[in-house]
C-alpha atoms as a PDB file:
ATOM      1  CA  UNK A   1    -163.568  -4.391 229.394  1.00  0.00           C
ATOM      2  CA  UNK A   2    -163.037  -0.823 230.150  1.00  0.00           C
ATOM      3  CA  UNK A   3    -165.256   1.135 231.792  1.00  0.00           C
ATOM      4  CA  UNK A   4    -166.116   3.052 228.904  1.00  0.00           C
ATOM      5  CA  UNK A   5    -165.982   0.538 226.278  1.00  0.00           C
ATOM      6  CA  UNK A   6    -169.576   0.838 225.631  1.00  0.00           C
ATOM      7  CA  UNK A   7    -169.416   4.363 224.299  1.00  0.00           C
ATOM      8  CA  UNK A   8    -167.109   3.143 221.373  1.00  0.00           C
ATOM      9  CA  UNK A   9    -168.527   2.456 218.151  1.00  0.00           C
ATOM     10  CA  UNK A  10    -167.192  -0.948 216.772  1.00  0.00           C
ATOM     11  CA  UNK A  11    -166.655  -1.276 213.353  1.00  0.00           C
ATOM     12  CA  UNK A  12    -168.514  -4.882 212.158  1.00  0.00           C
ATOM     13  CA  UNK A  13    -166.753  -7.862 211.513  1.00  0.00           C
ATOM     14  CA  UNK A  14    -168.081  -8.085 208.019  1.00  0.00           C
ATOM     15  CA  UNK A  15    -166.895  -4.730 207.363  1.00  0.00           C
ATOM     16  CA  UNK A  16    -163.722  -5.840 208.333  1.00  0.00           C
ATOM     17  CA  UNK A  17    -163.705  -8.774 206.049  1.00  0.00           C
ATOM     18  CA  UNK A  18    -164.641  -6.483 202.836  1.00  0.00           C
ATOM     19  CA  UNK A  19    -161.767  -4.119 203.302  1.00  0.00           C
ATOM     20  CA  UNK A  20    -159.419  -7.181 203.385  1.00  0.00           C
ATOM     21  CA  UNK A  21    -160.856  -8.792 200.550  1.00  0.00           C
ATOM     22  CA  UNK A  22    -160.508  -5.345 198.312  1.00  0.00           C
ATOM     23  CA  UNK A  23    -156.647  -4.897 199.397  1.00  0.00           C
ATOM     24  CA  UNK A  24    -156.617  -8.762 198.392  1.00  0.00           C
ATOM     25  CA  UNK A  25    -158.049  -8.074 195.120  1.00  0.00           C
ATOM     26  CA  UNK A  26    -156.134  -5.143 194.386  1.00  0.00           C
ATOM     27  CA  UNK A  27    -152.685  -6.844 195.523  1.00  0.00           C
ATOM     28  CA  UNK A  28    -153.502  -9.559 192.985  1.00  0.00           C
ATOM     29  CA  UNK A  29    -154.458  -7.120 190.147  1.00  0.00           C
ATOM     30  CA  UNK A  30    -151.399  -5.361 190.413  1.00  0.00           C
ATOM     31  CA  UNK A  31    -148.955  -8.616 190.714  1.00  0.00           C
ATOM     32  CA  UNK A  32    -150.778  -9.931 187.703  1.00  0.00           C
ATOM     33  CA  UNK A  33    -149.672  -7.390 185.648  1.00  0.00           C
ATOM     34  CA  UNK A  34    -151.568  -5.313 183.309  1.00  0.00           C
ATOM     35  CA  UNK A  35    -152.113  -7.465 180.568  1.00  0.00           C
ATOM     36  CA  UNK A  36    -155.830  -9.411 180.478  1.00  0.00           C
ATOM     37  CA  UNK A  37    -156.079 -13.165 180.646  1.00  0.00           C
ATOM     38  CA  UNK A  38    -157.464 -13.130 176.969  1.00  0.00           C
ATOM     39  CA  UNK A  39    -154.180 -12.264 175.384  1.00  0.00           C
ATOM     40  CA  UNK A  40    -152.728 -15.457 174.866  1.00  0.00           C
ATOM     41  CA  UNK A  41    -155.609 -17.251 173.532  1.00  0.00           C
ATOM     42  CA  UNK A  42    -156.231 -14.094 171.005  1.00  0.00           C
ATOM     43  CA  UNK A  43    -152.715 -14.285 169.836  1.00  0.00           C
ATOM     44  CA  UNK A  44    -153.248 -17.937 169.135  1.00  0.00           C
ATOM     45  CA  UNK A  45    -156.510 -17.655 167.396  1.00  0.00           C
ATOM     46  CA  UNK A  46    -154.667 -14.575 165.351  1.00  0.00           C
ATOM     47  CA  UNK A  47    -152.023 -16.939 164.349  1.00  0.00           C
ATOM     48  CA  UNK A  48    -154.337 -19.757 163.317  1.00  0.00           C
ATOM     49  CA  UNK A  49    -156.340 -16.604 161.064  1.00  0.00           C
ATOM     50  CA  UNK A  50    -152.931 -15.482 159.205  1.00  0.00           C
ATOM     51  CA  UNK A  51    -151.755 -19.338 158.953  1.00  0.00           C
ATOM     52  CA  UNK A  52    -154.843 -19.817 156.724  1.00  0.00           C
ATOM     53  CA  UNK A  53    -153.190 -17.173 154.026  1.00  0.00           C
ATOM     54  CA  UNK A  54    -149.179 -16.858 154.608  1.00  0.00           C
ATOM     55  CA  UNK A  55    -146.866 -19.383 156.301  1.00  0.00           C
ATOM     56  CA  UNK A  56    -145.506 -17.788 159.561  1.00  0.00           C
ATOM     57  CA  UNK A  57    -143.876 -18.414 162.643  1.00  0.00           C
ATOM     58  CA  UNK A  58    -144.612 -18.916 166.221  1.00  0.00           C
ATOM     59  CA  UNK A  59    -143.236 -15.852 167.053  1.00  0.00           C
ATOM     60  CA  UNK A  60    -144.574 -14.050 164.265  1.00  0.00           C
ATOM     61  CA  UNK A  61    -147.424 -12.762 165.877  1.00  0.00           C
ATOM     62  CA  UNK A  62    -147.243 -10.450 168.945  1.00  0.00           C
ATOM     63  CA  UNK A  63    -150.288  -8.994 170.777  1.00  0.00           C
ATOM     64  CA  UNK A  64    -149.880  -6.180 173.588  1.00  0.00           C
ATOM     65  CA  UNK A  65    -152.098  -4.066 175.895  1.00  0.00           C
ATOM     66  CA  UNK A  66    -150.834  -0.394 175.878  1.00  0.00           C
ATOM     67  CA  UNK A  67    -152.179   1.856 178.875  1.00  0.00           C
ATOM     68  CA  UNK A  68    -152.018   5.485 177.840  1.00  0.00           C
ATOM     69  CA  UNK A  69    -153.914   7.383 180.774  1.00  0.00           C
ATOM     70  CA  UNK A  70    -157.293   5.645 181.379  1.00  0.00           C
ATOM     71  CA  UNK A  71    -157.430   4.021 177.666  1.00  0.00           C
ATOM     72  CA  UNK A  72    -155.879   1.269 176.591  1.00  0.00           C
ATOM     73  CA  UNK A  73    -154.623   0.150 172.811  1.00  0.00           C
ATOM     74  CA  UNK A  74    -154.541  -3.053 171.269  1.00  0.00           C
ATOM     75  CA  UNK A  75    -151.183  -3.250 169.870  1.00  0.00           C
ATOM     76  CA  UNK A  76    -150.953  -5.868 167.156  1.00  0.00           C
ATOM     77  CA  UNK A  77    -147.723  -7.188 165.219  1.00  0.00           C
ATOM     78  CA  UNK A  78    -147.111  -9.389 162.661  1.00  0.00           C
ATOM     79  CA  UNK A  79    -143.968 -10.094 161.058  1.00  0.00           C
ATOM     80  CA  UNK A  80    -144.763 -11.222 157.562  1.00  0.00           C
ATOM     81  CA  UNK A  81    -142.003 -13.449 155.547  1.00  0.00           C
ATOM     82  CA  UNK A  82    -139.881 -11.197 153.241  1.00  0.00           C
ATOM     83  CA  UNK A  83    -140.450 -13.927 149.921  1.00  0.00           C
ATOM     84  CA  UNK A  84    -144.131 -14.179 149.203  1.00  0.00           C
ATOM     85  CA  UNK A  85    -143.253 -17.140 147.311  1.00  0.00           C
ATOM     86  CA  UNK A  86    -143.240 -18.938 151.171  1.00  0.00           C
ATOM     87  CA  UNK A  87    -147.395 -18.360 151.327  1.00  0.00           C
END
C-alpha cells in the first residue's frame, strides 16, 4: 500500500461486475444474430395453418426479420404450388 492510496477513489466491486455482465450480454446478443428466438416457432405454426388449406412442403414458408435502421420488418414468404389441384 502506497502512501497516497487512501486518496484514490476505488470503484465498487458490484459496479465492475455489472459492467462485465453488460459486455457479456452484448457479446452474446451480437453472436446470436439479429433473428429472435421465436422465428422458428412462428415458421412452424404458419406452415401448420397453411397446410389446412394447401398442400405445401416444409421449405415453402420462410420467415425473416429484416432490420431497417431502428425499425424491424417481418418478411414472410410462402411458395404456393402452381397446380391448385394439389390442394
